Protein backbone atom coordinates (compact mmCIF):
# COMPACT_ATOMS: atom_id res chain seq x y z
CA UNK A 1 0.00 0.00 0.00
CA UNK A 2 1.40 3.38 -0.95
CA UNK A 3 1.60 6.37 1.44
CA UNK A 4 -1.18 8.00 -0.55
CA UNK A 5 -3.45 4.96 -0.10
CA UNK A 6 -2.69 4.82 3.64
CA UNK A 7 -3.70 8.49 4.02
CA UNK A 8 -6.82 8.09 1.85
CA UNK A 9 -8.29 5.20 3.89
CA UNK A 10 -8.83 7.15 7.16
CA UNK A 11 -10.09 10.16 5.20
CA UNK A 12 -12.60 7.94 3.41
CA UNK A 13 -13.82 6.48 6.73
CA UNK A 14 -14.07 9.96 8.22
CA UNK A 15 -16.10 11.21 5.25
CA UNK A 16 -18.45 8.20 5.45
CA UNK A 17 -18.82 8.81 9.18
CA UNK A 18 -19.66 12.49 8.59
CA UNK A 19 -22.18 11.56 5.89
CA UNK A 20 -23.78 9.01 8.22
CA UNK A 21 -23.99 11.55 11.05
CA UNK A 22 -25.58 14.13 8.76
CA UNK A 23 -28.04 11.54 7.42
CA UNK A 24 -29.13 10.82 11.00
CA UNK A 25 -29.71 14.52 11.73
CA UNK A 26 -31.52 14.98 8.41
CA UNK A 27 -33.72 11.97 9.20
CA UNK A 28 -34.63 13.48 12.57
CA UNK A 29 -35.53 16.81 10.96
CA UNK A 30 -37.60 15.14 8.22
CA UNK A 31 -39.57 13.10 10.75
CA UNK A 32 -40.37 16.21 12.76
CA UNK A 33 -41.41 18.10 9.61
CA UNK A 34 -43.79 15.25 8.81
CA UNK A 35 -45.39 15.56 12.25
CA UNK A 36 -43.54 12.93 14.31
CA UNK A 37 -42.78 15.28 17.18
CA UNK A 38 -40.89 12.76 19.30
CA UNK A 39 -39.06 10.45 16.85
CA UNK A 40 -37.53 7.32 18.32
CA UNK A 41 -34.00 6.11 17.64
CA UNK A 42 -35.50 3.26 15.63
CA UNK A 43 -37.52 5.62 13.43
CA UNK A 44 -34.47 7.83 12.88
CA UNK A 45 -32.20 4.91 12.02
CA UNK A 46 -34.73 3.49 9.54
CA UNK A 47 -35.21 6.87 7.86
CA UNK A 48 -31.45 7.49 7.72
CA UNK A 49 -30.77 4.04 6.33
CA UNK A 50 -28.33 3.16 9.11
CA UNK A 51 -28.36 0.68 11.95
CA UNK A 52 -29.58 1.79 15.34
CA UNK A 53 -26.08 1.23 16.74
CA UNK A 54 -24.82 3.77 14.25
CA UNK A 55 -27.19 6.38 15.71
CA UNK A 56 -25.67 5.86 19.16
CA UNK A 57 -22.14 5.71 17.80
CA UNK A 58 -22.60 9.28 16.57
CA UNK A 59 -24.81 10.53 19.41
CA UNK A 60 -24.40 9.42 23.01
CA UNK A 61 -28.16 9.59 23.55
CA UNK A 62 -31.33 11.02 22.03
CA UNK A 63 -30.83 14.28 23.90
CA UNK A 64 -27.57 14.95 22.05
CA UNK A 65 -29.28 14.12 18.74
CA UNK A 66 -32.17 16.51 19.46
CA UNK A 67 -29.67 19.17 20.55
CA UNK A 68 -27.65 18.78 17.32
CA UNK A 69 -30.80 19.03 15.22
CA UNK A 70 -31.85 22.11 17.19
CA UNK A 71 -28.55 23.85 16.36
CA UNK A 72 -29.29 23.45 12.65
CA UNK A 73 -32.87 24.72 13.03
CA UNK A 74 -31.69 27.67 15.14
CA UNK A 75 -29.56 28.90 12.24
CA UNK A 76 -32.62 28.71 9.99
CA UNK A 77 -34.98 30.52 12.34
CA UNK A 78 -32.50 33.23 13.26
CA UNK A 79 -32.39 34.13 9.59
CA UNK A 80 -36.18 34.08 9.34
CA UNK A 81 -36.75 36.23 12.41
CA UNK A 82 -33.90 38.56 11.46
CA UNK A 83 -35.42 39.56 8.11
CA UNK A 84 -38.23 41.88 7.19
CA UNK A 85 -38.87 45.57 6.65
CA UNK A 86 -38.17 47.40 9.92
CA UNK A 87 -38.97 50.89 8.67
CA UNK A 88 -42.15 52.94 8.88
CA UNK A 89 -44.62 54.13 11.47
CA UNK A 90 -45.19 52.20 14.67
CA UNK A 91 -48.33 50.58 13.25
CA UNK A 92 -46.51 49.61 10.05
CA UNK A 93 -43.63 48.10 12.02
CA UNK A 94 -46.06 46.15 14.23
CA UNK A 95 -47.63 44.70 11.08
CA UNK A 96 -44.23 43.90 9.57
CA UNK A 97 -43.07 42.24 12.80
CA UNK A 98 -46.20 40.10 13.00
CA UNK A 99 -45.89 39.12 9.33
CA UNK A 100 -42.23 38.17 9.75
CA UNK A 101 -42.96 36.16 12.90
CA UNK A 102 -45.81 34.43 11.05
CA UNK A 103 -43.44 33.51 8.23
CA UNK A 104 -40.98 32.01 10.70
CA UNK A 105 -43.59 30.22 12.81
CA UNK A 106 -45.15 28.67 9.72
CA UNK A 107 -41.74 27.48 8.49
CA UNK A 108 -40.43 25.98 11.71
CA UNK A 109 -43.51 25.53 13.90
CA UNK A 110 -43.15 21.77 14.14
CA UNK A 111 -39.63 22.19 15.48
CA UNK A 112 -40.94 24.49 18.20
CA UNK A 113 -43.54 21.84 19.02
CA UNK A 114 -41.04 18.99 19.18
CA UNK A 115 -38.81 21.02 21.49
CA UNK A 116 -41.74 21.95 23.73
CA UNK A 117 -42.91 18.33 23.84
CA UNK A 118 -39.55 17.33 25.31
CA UNK A 119 -38.62 20.23 27.56
CA UNK A 120 -39.45 18.13 30.60
CA UNK A 121 -37.05 15.41 29.49
CA UNK A 122 -33.92 17.15 28.22
CA UNK A 123 -32.09 19.98 30.05
CA UNK A 124 -30.22 21.00 26.89
CA UNK A 125 -33.52 21.63 25.09
CA UNK A 126 -34.73 23.76 28.03
CA UNK A 127 -31.55 25.83 27.77
CA UNK A 128 -31.83 26.19 24.00
CA UNK A 129 -35.53 27.06 24.18
CA UNK A 130 -34.89 29.70 26.86
CA UNK A 131 -32.13 31.16 24.68
CA UNK A 132 -34.49 31.26 21.70
CA UNK A 133 -37.13 33.08 23.77
CA UNK A 134 -34.58 35.69 24.87
CA UNK A 135 -33.51 36.16 21.25
CA UNK A 136 -37.13 36.61 20.11
CA UNK A 137 -37.67 39.25 22.79
CA UNK A 138 -34.51 41.06 21.73
CA UNK A 139 -35.59 40.86 18.09
CA UNK A 140 -38.99 42.35 18.95
CA UNK A 141 -37.16 45.24 20.66
CA UNK A 142 -35.28 45.78 17.42
CA UNK A 143 -38.56 45.95 15.48
CA UNK A 144 -40.30 48.08 18.09
CA UNK A 145 -37.90 50.05 20.33
CA UNK A 146 -40.99 51.69 21.87
CA UNK A 147 -41.56 48.47 23.83
CA UNK A 148 -38.67 49.32 26.13
CA UNK A 149 -40.65 52.27 27.53
CA UNK A 150 -43.79 50.25 28.27
CA UNK A 151 -44.84 49.26 31.80
CA UNK A 152 -43.44 45.82 32.64
CA UNK A 153 -46.84 44.08 32.73
CA UNK A 154 -47.85 45.47 29.34
CA UNK A 155 -44.52 44.44 27.84
CA UNK A 156 -45.03 40.89 29.08
CA UNK A 157 -48.44 40.87 27.40
CA UNK A 158 -46.89 41.98 24.09
CA UNK A 159 -44.34 39.16 24.27
CA UNK A 160 -47.16 36.72 24.96
CA UNK A 161 -49.13 37.89 21.92
CA UNK A 162 -45.99 37.75 19.73
CA UNK A 163 -45.15 34.22 20.90
CA UNK A 164 -45.24 30.96 19.00
CA UNK A 165 -47.73 29.64 21.54
CA UNK A 166 -50.20 32.41 20.68
CA UNK A 167 -49.66 31.85 16.96
CA UNK A 168 -50.07 28.09 17.27
CA UNK A 169 -53.30 28.49 19.22
CA UNK A 170 -54.80 30.72 16.53
CA UNK A 171 -53.69 28.48 13.66
CA UNK A 172 -54.06 24.98 15.06
CA UNK A 173 -56.51 25.10 17.95
CA UNK A 174 -58.84 27.80 16.63
CA UNK A 175 -58.35 26.80 13.00
CA UNK A 176 -57.80 30.32 11.67
CA UNK A 177 -56.07 30.87 8.35
CA UNK A 178 -52.73 32.68 8.24
CA UNK A 179 -54.18 35.99 7.02
CA UNK A 180 -56.75 36.12 9.82
CA UNK A 181 -54.18 35.13 12.44
CA UNK A 182 -51.89 37.95 11.26
CA UNK A 183 -54.78 40.44 11.35
CA UNK A 184 -55.89 39.48 14.86
CA UNK A 185 -52.36 39.38 16.28
CA UNK A 186 -51.60 42.79 14.77
CA UNK A 187 -54.85 44.22 16.13
CA UNK A 188 -54.13 42.96 19.64
CA UNK A 189 -50.52 44.14 19.62
CA UNK A 190 -51.57 47.59 18.45
CA UNK A 191 -54.16 47.80 21.23
CA UNK A 192 -51.54 46.89 23.82
CA UNK A 193 -48.82 49.18 22.50
CA UNK A 194 -50.89 52.21 21.54
CA UNK A 195 -52.91 52.22 24.77
CA UNK A 196 -49.87 52.84 26.98
C-alpha cells in the first residue's frame, strides 16, 4: 500500500462517518417536519438508512441528537426572524413584525412543538428554548424600540401575543387561516402598544 493509499483510507472512513452523522440529523428533521414530534431512535435509524447502533455511535443519547438538530434549526430561524422591513410608522412596524414572525412560525412551527414536547425530558432543550425566547424578545425590541418604555406588565403581554404559543393556538386550535391570524395578532398588539 502506498503512502497515498494509507492516508486516503482514514479520510474515506471519516467522510463516510460524517455523511452518516448528517443523514441521522436529516432523518430526525424530516420526521419532525412530517409531524412525528418525538421520533424514536428506531424511526431515525430506519429513515437514515443506518443501523440503530450507528445512531448511538454518533450521538451518546437522544438528547444529544435533538440538541444537534436544534442547532441546525436555530440557524434557519435566526435568519427568518432577522429579516423583514423594519422601517415605517409604529403601526406599520407592528404589522411587519407580525408578518415576519408568522413567516418564521409557519416554516419551523413543528420544530418548536417537538422542542416543547420534550422540555421536561432534556435539560439542553430547556436551555436552548430559553435562549431562543430571549432572542425573540430582543428581536422584537429591534422591530419596536418603543416596547422598552412600556410598563413591565404590558410588555409581558406583548411578548405573549408575539409568541409561537399564541400563533399556534390561533392556527391549530382555533383553525384560523394565516391571514386572519396575522390580522388578529396585529390588532391585539396595536391595542396593547398604543394604549400605553
